[in-house]
Amino acid sequence: MQLDFQARELTVKLVYYGPALSGKTTNLQAIHRLLSPEGKGRLMTLETRDDRTLFFDLLPLTVNLGSGLTVRIKLFTVPGQVIHNSTRRLVLQGADGVAFIADSQLNEVRANQASFKDLRKNLRDNGIDPSTMPIVIQYNKRDLPNIRGEEEIRRMASQGKERIYLATAFHGTGVAETFTGLIDATWENLERSHDLQKRFGLAPGTIGEDFRRRFNPPGEAPRHG
């Protein structure tokens, strides 16, 4: 979190993490498309030289609150390929919350596990205790065959502390729920650390509710990626 007292602006950084081709970029594209135009920045991308996967996406979203404070949400995603680990570690610097995008396909279980382990290591390498980082998990690509069953996912959810969401980012379903769930989890953590309600009048849930009102119903979203 970065706070500019002079500009009365609070900046929160959220990172979408996960294995290659799990749908991280598709999530950000869908968020950008489904949000109403006001307070929405341009979706910017940089491509790597050696792969079609995007280097990262930056999606600034601004919320102007009655307290006179502007909250700016910056969204990033990172490449999933093993060779880009230094980039993933760099993008995690200063993160306030993480959405882990898992691929629901059964043949991607090991890739999901390796990427989640990689996330925890890169957090530690950045001096961040993984147990203190707000993390939500999205099981994406629910429209495909040979996927993990909902009962199994619910059982895994009951054994961990992370909030879990089901999604088909390709069609925009579950995208808003994952994003606003991440906002809620992040804000609860920031409130505990910085007492934002007392200092700025930002009640818990305020930002998440603002975004819930601004999401349009899902429609056709870009391809998996």
C-alpha atoms as a PDB file:
ATOM      1  CA  MET A   1       0.000   0.000   0.000  1.00  0.00           C
ATOM      2  CA  GLN A   2       1.209   3.478  -0.876  1.00  0.00           C
ATOM      3  CA  LEU A   3      -0.363   6.576   0.669  1.00  0.00           C
ATOM      4  CA  ASP A   4       0.119  10.073  -0.738  1.00  0.00           C
ATOM      5  CA  PHE A   5      -1.165  12.427   1.961  1.00  0.00           C
ATOM      6  CA  GLN A   6      -0.742  15.529  -0.175  1.00  0.00           C
ATOM      7  CA  ALA A   7      -2.758  14.119  -3.070  1.00  0.00           C
ATOM      8  CA  ARG A   8      -5.033  12.196  -0.666  1.00  0.00           C
ATOM      9  CA  GLU A   9      -4.516   9.076  -2.755  1.00  0.00           C
ATOM     10  CA  LEU A  10      -4.209   5.488  -1.574  1.00  0.00           C
ATOM     11  CA  THR A  11      -2.726   2.960  -4.022  1.00  0.00           C
ATOM     12  CA  VAL A  12      -3.300  -0.772  -3.600  1.00  0.00           C
ATOM     13  CA  LYS A  13      -1.458  -3.348  -5.714  1.00  0.00           C
ATOM     14  CA  LEU A  14      -3.101  -6.666  -6.599  1.00  0.00           C
ATOM     15  CA  VAL A  15      -1.339  -9.442  -8.532  1.00  0.00           C
ATOM     16  CA  TYR A  16      -2.903 -12.284 -10.538  1.00  0.00           C
ATOM     17  CA  TYR A  17      -0.587 -15.279 -10.268  1.00  0.00           C
ATOM     18  CA  GLY A  18      -0.687 -18.856 -11.539  1.00  0.00           C
ATOM     19  CA  PRO A  19       0.724 -21.373 -13.997  1.00  0.00           C
ATOM     20  CA  ALA A  20       1.124 -20.673 -17.695  1.00  0.00           C
ATOM     21  CA  LEU A  21      -2.141 -20.422 -19.644  1.00  0.00           C
ATOM     22  CA  SER A  22      -4.350 -20.790 -16.561  1.00  0.00           C
ATOM     23  CA  GLY A  23      -6.336 -17.676 -17.492  1.00  0.00           C
ATOM     24  CA  LYS A  24      -4.626 -14.810 -15.674  1.00  0.00           C
ATOM     25  CA  THR A  25      -4.611 -12.498 -18.671  1.00  0.00           C
ATOM     26  CA  THR A  26      -8.149 -13.522 -19.600  1.00  0.00           C
ATOM     27  CA  ASN A  27      -9.295 -12.515 -16.113  1.00  0.00           C
ATOM     28  CA  LEU A  28      -7.803  -9.044 -16.417  1.00  0.00           C
ATOM     29  CA  GLN A  29      -9.216  -8.585 -19.903  1.00  0.00           C
ATOM     30  CA  ALA A  30     -12.655  -9.631 -18.663  1.00  0.00           C
ATOM     31  CA  ILE A  31     -12.464  -7.304 -15.638  1.00  0.00           C
ATOM     32  CA  HIS A  32     -11.588  -4.435 -17.939  1.00  0.00           C
ATOM     33  CA  ARG A  33     -14.419  -5.272 -20.300  1.00  0.00           C
ATOM     34  CA  LEU A  34     -17.102  -5.899 -17.667  1.00  0.00           C
ATOM     35  CA  LEU A  35     -16.461  -2.806 -15.542  1.00  0.00           C
ATOM     36  CA  SER A  36     -18.460   0.308 -16.310  1.00  0.00           C
ATOM     37  CA  PRO A  37     -16.327   2.978 -18.043  1.00  0.00           C
ATOM     38  CA  GLU A  38     -16.049   5.519 -15.220  1.00  0.00           C
ATOM     39  CA  GLY A  39     -12.850   5.346 -13.217  1.00  0.00           C
ATOM     40  CA  LYS A  40     -11.338   2.703 -15.478  1.00  0.00           C
ATOM     41  CA  GLY A  41      -7.897   3.131 -17.001  1.00  0.00           C
ATOM     42  CA  ARG A  42      -6.480   1.773 -20.224  1.00  0.00           C
ATOM     43  CA  LEU A  43      -5.386  -1.862 -20.217  1.00  0.00           C
ATOM     44  CA  MET A  44      -1.689  -1.911 -21.074  1.00  0.00           C
ATOM     45  CA  THR A  45       0.375  -4.931 -22.048  1.00  0.00           C
ATOM     46  CA  LEU A  46       3.995  -5.713 -22.749  1.00  0.00           C
ATOM     47  CA  GLU A  47       4.914  -8.894 -24.606  1.00  0.00           C
ATOM     48  CA  THR A  48       7.946 -11.046 -24.010  1.00  0.00           C
ATOM     49  CA  ARG A  49      10.306 -11.681 -26.888  1.00  0.00           C
ATOM     50  CA  ASP A  50      10.157 -15.467 -26.555  1.00  0.00           C
ATOM     51  CA  ASP A  51       6.514 -16.260 -25.850  1.00  0.00           C
ATOM     52  CA  ARG A  52       3.029 -15.060 -26.682  1.00  0.00           C
ATOM     53  CA  THR A  53       2.154 -14.819 -22.990  1.00  0.00           C
ATOM     54  CA  LEU A  54       2.002 -11.252 -21.815  1.00  0.00           C
ATOM     55  CA  PHE A  55       4.801  -9.866 -19.705  1.00  0.00           C
ATOM     56  CA  PHE A  56       2.304  -8.133 -17.459  1.00  0.00           C
ATOM     57  CA  ASP A  57      -0.920  -6.211 -17.592  1.00  0.00           C
ATOM     58  CA  LEU A  58      -1.450  -3.014 -15.657  1.00  0.00           C
ATOM     59  CA  LEU A  59      -5.033  -2.024 -15.061  1.00  0.00           C
ATOM     60  CA  PRO A  60      -5.463   1.087 -12.894  1.00  0.00           C
ATOM     61  CA  LEU A  61      -8.937   1.423 -11.397  1.00  0.00           C
ATOM     62  CA  THR A  62      -9.878   4.513  -9.411  1.00  0.00           C
ATOM     63  CA  VAL A  63     -12.542   4.890  -6.727  1.00  0.00           C
ATOM     64  CA  ASN A  64     -13.377   8.354  -5.423  1.00  0.00           C
ATOM     65  CA  LEU A  65     -14.860   8.202  -1.939  1.00  0.00           C
ATOM     66  CA  GLY A  66     -16.930  10.724  -0.031  1.00  0.00           C
ATOM     67  CA  SER A  67     -14.094  11.166   2.454  1.00  0.00           C
ATOM     68  CA  GLY A  68     -12.129  12.978  -0.244  1.00  0.00           C
ATOM     69  CA  LEU A  69      -9.671  10.111  -0.525  1.00  0.00           C
ATOM     70  CA  THR A  70      -9.002   8.543  -3.911  1.00  0.00           C
ATOM     71  CA  VAL A  71      -8.320   4.811  -3.874  1.00  0.00           C
ATOM     72  CA  ARG A  72      -6.383   3.558  -6.874  1.00  0.00           C
ATOM     73  CA  ILE A  73      -6.361  -0.188  -7.487  1.00  0.00           C
ATOM     74  CA  LYS A  74      -3.529  -1.432  -9.694  1.00  0.00           C
ATOM     75  CA  LEU A  75      -3.861  -4.893 -11.173  1.00  0.00           C
ATOM     76  CA  PHE A  76      -0.913  -6.895 -12.480  1.00  0.00           C
ATOM     77  CA  THR A  77      -0.503 -10.353 -13.900  1.00  0.00           C
ATOM     78  CA  VAL A  78       2.721 -12.268 -14.347  1.00  0.00           C
ATOM     79  CA  PRO A  79       3.975 -14.799 -16.909  1.00  0.00           C
ATOM     80  CA  GLY A  80       3.647 -18.435 -15.873  1.00  0.00           C
ATOM     81  CA  GLN A  81       6.615 -19.869 -17.773  1.00  0.00           C
ATOM     82  CA  VAL A  82       9.457 -21.169 -15.611  1.00  0.00           C
ATOM     83  CA  ILE A  83      12.031 -19.014 -17.383  1.00  0.00           C
ATOM     84  CA  HIS A  84      10.259 -15.845 -16.226  1.00  0.00           C
ATOM     85  CA  ASN A  85      10.643 -16.447 -12.480  1.00  0.00           C
ATOM     86  CA  SER A  86      12.655 -13.269 -11.954  1.00  0.00           C
ATOM     87  CA  THR A  87       9.830 -11.276 -13.526  1.00  0.00           C
ATOM     88  CA  ARG A  88       7.247 -12.951 -11.291  1.00  0.00           C
ATOM     89  CA  ARG A  89       9.314 -12.176  -8.227  1.00  0.00           C
ATOM     90  CA  LEU A  90       9.719  -8.555  -9.306  1.00  0.00           C
ATOM     91  CA  VAL A  91       6.017  -8.027  -9.984  1.00  0.00           C
ATOM     92  CA  LEU A  92       5.168  -9.395  -6.516  1.00  0.00           C
ATOM     93  CA  GLN A  93       7.174  -6.636  -4.846  1.00  0.00           C
ATOM     94  CA  GLY A  94       4.847  -4.400  -2.872  1.00  0.00           C
ATOM     95  CA  ALA A  95       1.778  -6.565  -3.527  1.00  0.00           C
ATOM     96  CA  ASP A  96      -1.121  -6.113  -1.111  1.00  0.00           C
ATOM     97  CA  GLY A  97      -3.136  -9.123  -2.305  1.00  0.00           C
ATOM     98  CA  VAL A  98      -2.869 -12.051  -4.728  1.00  0.00           C
ATOM     99  CA  ALA A  99      -5.416 -13.941  -6.820  1.00  0.00           C
ATOM    100  CA  PHE A 100      -4.050 -17.371  -7.659  1.00  0.00           C
ATOM    101  CA  ILE A 101      -5.590 -18.575 -10.935  1.00  0.00           C
ATOM    102  CA  ALA A 102      -5.580 -22.365 -11.048  1.00  0.00           C
ATOM    103  CA  ASP A 103      -6.418 -24.456 -14.097  1.00  0.00           C
ATOM    104  CA  SER A 104      -9.326 -26.798 -13.265  1.00  0.00           C
ATOM    105  CA  GLN A 105      -8.165 -29.509 -15.695  1.00  0.00           C
ATOM    106  CA  LEU A 106      -6.995 -32.695 -13.998  1.00  0.00           C
ATOM    107  CA  ASN A 107      -3.832 -32.824 -16.099  1.00  0.00           C
ATOM    108  CA  GLU A 108      -2.804 -29.423 -14.719  1.00  0.00           C
ATOM    109  CA  VAL A 109      -2.808 -30.386 -11.025  1.00  0.00           C
ATOM    110  CA  ARG A 110       0.991 -30.575 -10.809  1.00  0.00           C
ATOM    111  CA  ALA A 111       1.408 -27.267 -12.638  1.00  0.00           C
ATOM    112  CA  ASN A 112      -0.973 -25.640 -10.157  1.00  0.00           C
ATOM    113  CA  GLN A 113       0.907 -27.091  -7.195  1.00  0.00           C
ATOM    114  CA  ALA A 114       4.302 -26.028  -8.557  1.00  0.00           C
ATOM    115  CA  SER A 115       3.057 -22.511  -9.261  1.00  0.00           C
ATOM    116  CA  PHE A 116       1.532 -22.114  -5.788  1.00  0.00           C
ATOM    117  CA  LYS A 117       4.804 -23.296  -4.242  1.00  0.00           C
ATOM    118  CA  ASP A 118       6.615 -20.802  -6.496  1.00  0.00           C
ATOM    119  CA  LEU A 119       4.289 -18.033  -5.286  1.00  0.00           C
ATOM    120  CA  ARG A 120       5.090 -18.710  -1.646  1.00  0.00           C
ATOM    121  CA  LYS A 121       8.840 -18.820  -2.355  1.00  0.00           C
ATOM    122  CA  ASN A 122       8.789 -15.550  -4.301  1.00  0.00           C
ATOM    123  CA  LEU A 123       6.829 -13.864  -1.529  1.00  0.00           C
ATOM    124  CA  ARG A 124       9.435 -14.971   0.987  1.00  0.00           C
ATOM    125  CA  ASP A 125      12.234 -13.814  -1.345  1.00  0.00           C
ATOM    126  CA  ASN A 126      10.561 -10.391  -1.323  1.00  0.00           C
ATOM    127  CA  GLY A 127      10.540 -10.361   2.477  1.00  0.00           C
ATOM    128  CA  ILE A 128       6.806 -11.113   2.682  1.00  0.00           C
ATOM    129  CA  ASP A 129       5.459 -13.801   4.998  1.00  0.00           C
ATOM    130  CA  PRO A 130       3.058 -15.859   2.817  1.00  0.00           C
ATOM    131  CA  SER A 131       0.815 -16.459   5.832  1.00  0.00           C
ATOM    132  CA  THR A 132       0.110 -12.727   6.080  1.00  0.00           C
ATOM    133  CA  MET A 133      -0.624 -12.167   2.372  1.00  0.00           C
ATOM    134  CA  PRO A 134      -4.330 -12.057   1.415  1.00  0.00           C
ATOM    135  CA  ILE A 135      -4.734 -14.783  -1.222  1.00  0.00           C
ATOM    136  CA  VAL A 136      -7.855 -15.959  -3.032  1.00  0.00           C
ATOM    137  CA  ILE A 137      -7.898 -18.953  -5.363  1.00  0.00           C
ATOM    138  CA  GLN A 138      -9.876 -19.184  -8.570  1.00  0.00           C
ATOM    139  CA  TYR A 139     -10.432 -22.525 -10.290  1.00  0.00           C
ATOM    140  CA  ASN A 140     -10.773 -21.405 -13.885  1.00  0.00           C
ATOM    141  CA  LYS A 141     -11.875 -23.137 -17.120  1.00  0.00           C
ATOM    142  CA  ARG A 142     -14.926 -24.802 -15.559  1.00  0.00           C
ATOM    143  CA  ASP A 143     -16.391 -25.177 -19.057  1.00  0.00           C
ATOM    144  CA  LEU A 144     -13.796 -27.752 -20.110  1.00  0.00           C
ATOM    145  CA  PRO A 145     -13.973 -31.574 -19.772  1.00  0.00           C
ATOM    146  CA  ASN A 146     -11.894 -33.604 -17.294  1.00  0.00           C
ATOM    147  CA  ILE A 147     -11.854 -31.028 -14.526  1.00  0.00           C
ATOM    148  CA  ARG A 148     -11.731 -31.247 -10.743  1.00  0.00           C
ATOM    149  CA  GLY A 149     -15.214 -31.752  -9.284  1.00  0.00           C
ATOM    150  CA  GLU A 150     -16.890 -29.078  -7.185  1.00  0.00           C
ATOM    151  CA  GLU A 151     -17.159 -31.422  -4.206  1.00  0.00           C
ATOM    152  CA  GLU A 152     -13.396 -31.987  -4.210  1.00  0.00           C
ATOM    153  CA  ILE A 153     -12.761 -28.248  -4.486  1.00  0.00           C
ATOM    154  CA  ARG A 154     -15.146 -27.521  -1.603  1.00  0.00           C
ATOM    155  CA  ARG A 155     -13.317 -30.116   0.485  1.00  0.00           C
ATOM    156  CA  MET A 156      -9.974 -28.457  -0.263  1.00  0.00           C
ATOM    157  CA  ALA A 157     -11.471 -25.070   0.568  1.00  0.00           C
ATOM    158  CA  SER A 158     -12.567 -26.304   3.991  1.00  0.00           C
ATOM    159  CA  GLN A 159      -8.988 -27.331   4.767  1.00  0.00           C
ATOM    160  CA  GLY A 160      -7.384 -23.985   3.922  1.00  0.00           C
ATOM    161  CA  LYS A 161      -7.917 -20.339   4.775  1.00  0.00           C
ATOM    162  CA  GLU A 162      -8.037 -19.003   1.206  1.00  0.00           C
ATOM    163  CA  ARG A 163     -11.376 -18.060  -0.319  1.00  0.00           C
ATOM    164  CA  ILE A 164     -12.049 -20.180  -3.399  1.00  0.00           C
ATOM    165  CA  TYR A 165     -14.031 -19.230  -6.508  1.00  0.00           C
ATOM    166  CA  LEU A 166     -15.128 -21.143  -9.595  1.00  0.00           C
ATOM    167  CA  ALA A 167     -14.890 -19.388 -12.933  1.00  0.00           C
ATOM    168  CA  THR A 168     -14.913 -19.557 -16.684  1.00  0.00           C
ATOM    169  CA  ALA A 169     -13.017 -16.386 -17.435  1.00  0.00           C
ATOM    170  CA  PHE A 170     -13.438 -17.053 -21.164  1.00  0.00           C
ATOM    171  CA  HIS A 171     -17.137 -16.226 -20.715  1.00  0.00           C
ATOM    172  CA  GLY A 172     -16.639 -13.712 -17.918  1.00  0.00           C
ATOM    173  CA  THR A 173     -18.317 -15.891 -15.273  1.00  0.00           C
ATOM    174  CA  GLY A 174     -16.779 -15.868 -11.805  1.00  0.00           C
ATOM    175  CA  VAL A 175     -14.419 -13.050 -12.758  1.00  0.00           C
ATOM    176  CA  ALA A 176     -16.172 -10.272 -10.824  1.00  0.00           C
ATOM    177  CA  GLU A 177     -16.675 -12.544  -7.806  1.00  0.00           C
ATOM    178  CA  THR A 178     -12.971 -13.408  -7.690  1.00  0.00           C
ATOM    179  CA  PHE A 179     -11.909  -9.787  -8.052  1.00  0.00           C
ATOM    180  CA  THR A 180     -14.282  -8.371  -5.438  1.00  0.00           C
ATOM    181  CA  GLY A 181     -13.436 -11.271  -3.110  1.00  0.00           C
ATOM    182  CA  LEU A 182      -9.765 -10.333  -3.452  1.00  0.00           C
ATOM    183  CA  ILE A 183     -10.625  -6.696  -2.770  1.00  0.00           C
ATOM    184  CA  ASP A 184     -12.504  -7.692   0.400  1.00  0.00           C
ATOM    185  CA  ALA A 185      -9.715  -9.958   1.667  1.00  0.00           C
ATOM    186  CA  THR A 186      -7.063  -7.338   0.933  1.00  0.00           C
ATOM    187  CA  TRP A 187      -9.028  -4.551   2.582  1.00  0.00           C
ATOM    188  CA  GLU A 188      -9.634  -6.587   5.723  1.00  0.00           C
ATOM    189  CA  ASN A 189      -5.887  -7.122   5.984  1.00  0.00           C
ATOM    190  CA  LEU A 190      -5.096  -3.438   5.358  1.00  0.00           C
ATOM    191  CA  GLU A 191      -7.665  -2.435   7.978  1.00  0.00           C
ATOM    192  CA  ARG A 192      -5.973  -4.641  10.557  1.00  0.00           C
ATOM    193  CA  SER A 193      -2.577  -3.187   9.693  1.00  0.00           C
ATOM    194  CA  HIS A 194      -3.394   0.486   9.121  1.00  0.00           C
ATOM    195  CA  ASP A 195      -6.760   1.228  10.804  1.00  0.00           C
ATOM    196  CA  LEU A 196      -8.128   2.800   7.613  1.00  0.00           C
ATOM    197  CA  GLN A 197     -11.655   3.223   8.948  1.00  0.00           C
ATOM    198  CA  LYS A 198     -10.501   5.401  11.834  1.00  0.00           C
ATOM    199  CA  ARG A 199      -8.005   7.389   9.747  1.00  0.00           C
ATOM    200  CA  PHE A 200     -10.048   7.893   6.565  1.00  0.00           C
ATOM    201  CA  GLY A 201     -13.577   6.718   7.258  1.00  0.00           C
ATOM    202  CA  LEU A 202     -13.192   3.704   4.965  1.00  0.00           C
ATOM    203  CA  ALA A 203     -15.515   1.079   6.411  1.00  0.00           C
ATOM    204  CA  PRO A 204     -14.681  -2.565   5.670  1.00  0.00           C
ATOM    205  CA  GLY A 205     -16.435  -3.715   2.510  1.00  0.00           C
ATOM    206  CA  THR A 206     -16.788  -0.192   1.077  1.00  0.00           C
ATOM    207  CA  ILE A 207     -14.457  -0.730  -1.877  1.00  0.00           C
ATOM    208  CA  GLY A 208     -15.747  -4.201  -2.678  1.00  0.00           C
ATOM    209  CA  GLU A 209     -19.354  -3.013  -2.688  1.00  0.00           C
ATOM    210  CA  ASP A 210     -18.457  -0.089  -4.945  1.00  0.00           C
ATOM    211  CA  PHE A 211     -16.963  -2.464  -7.503  1.00  0.00           C
ATOM    212  CA  ARG A 212     -19.863  -4.914  -7.261  1.00  0.00           C
ATOM    213  CA  ARG A 213     -22.181  -2.129  -8.398  1.00  0.00           C
ATOM    214  CA  ARG A 214     -19.906  -1.274 -11.303  1.00  0.00           C
ATOM    215  CA  PHE A 215     -19.664  -4.712 -12.895  1.00  0.00           C
ATOM    216  CA  ASN A 216     -21.900  -5.390 -15.883  1.00  0.00           C
ATOM    217  CA  PRO A 217     -23.323  -8.896 -16.505  1.00  0.00           C
ATOM    218  CA  PRO A 218     -20.765 -11.216 -18.142  1.00  0.00           C
ATOM    219  CA  GLY A 219     -20.817 -11.860 -21.848  1.00  0.00           C
ATOM    220  CA  GLU A 220     -18.305 -13.147 -24.357  1.00  0.00           C
ATOM    221  CA  ALA A 221     -14.746 -12.638 -23.103  1.00  0.00           C
ATOM    222  CA  PRO A 222     -11.411 -13.063 -24.896  1.00  0.00           C
ATOM    223  CA  ARG A 223      -9.805 -16.461 -25.427  1.00  0.00           C
ATOM    224  CA  HIS A 224      -8.102 -18.486 -22.702  1.00  0.00           C
ATOM    225  CA  GLY A 225      -4.630 -17.266 -21.945  1.00  0.00           C
END
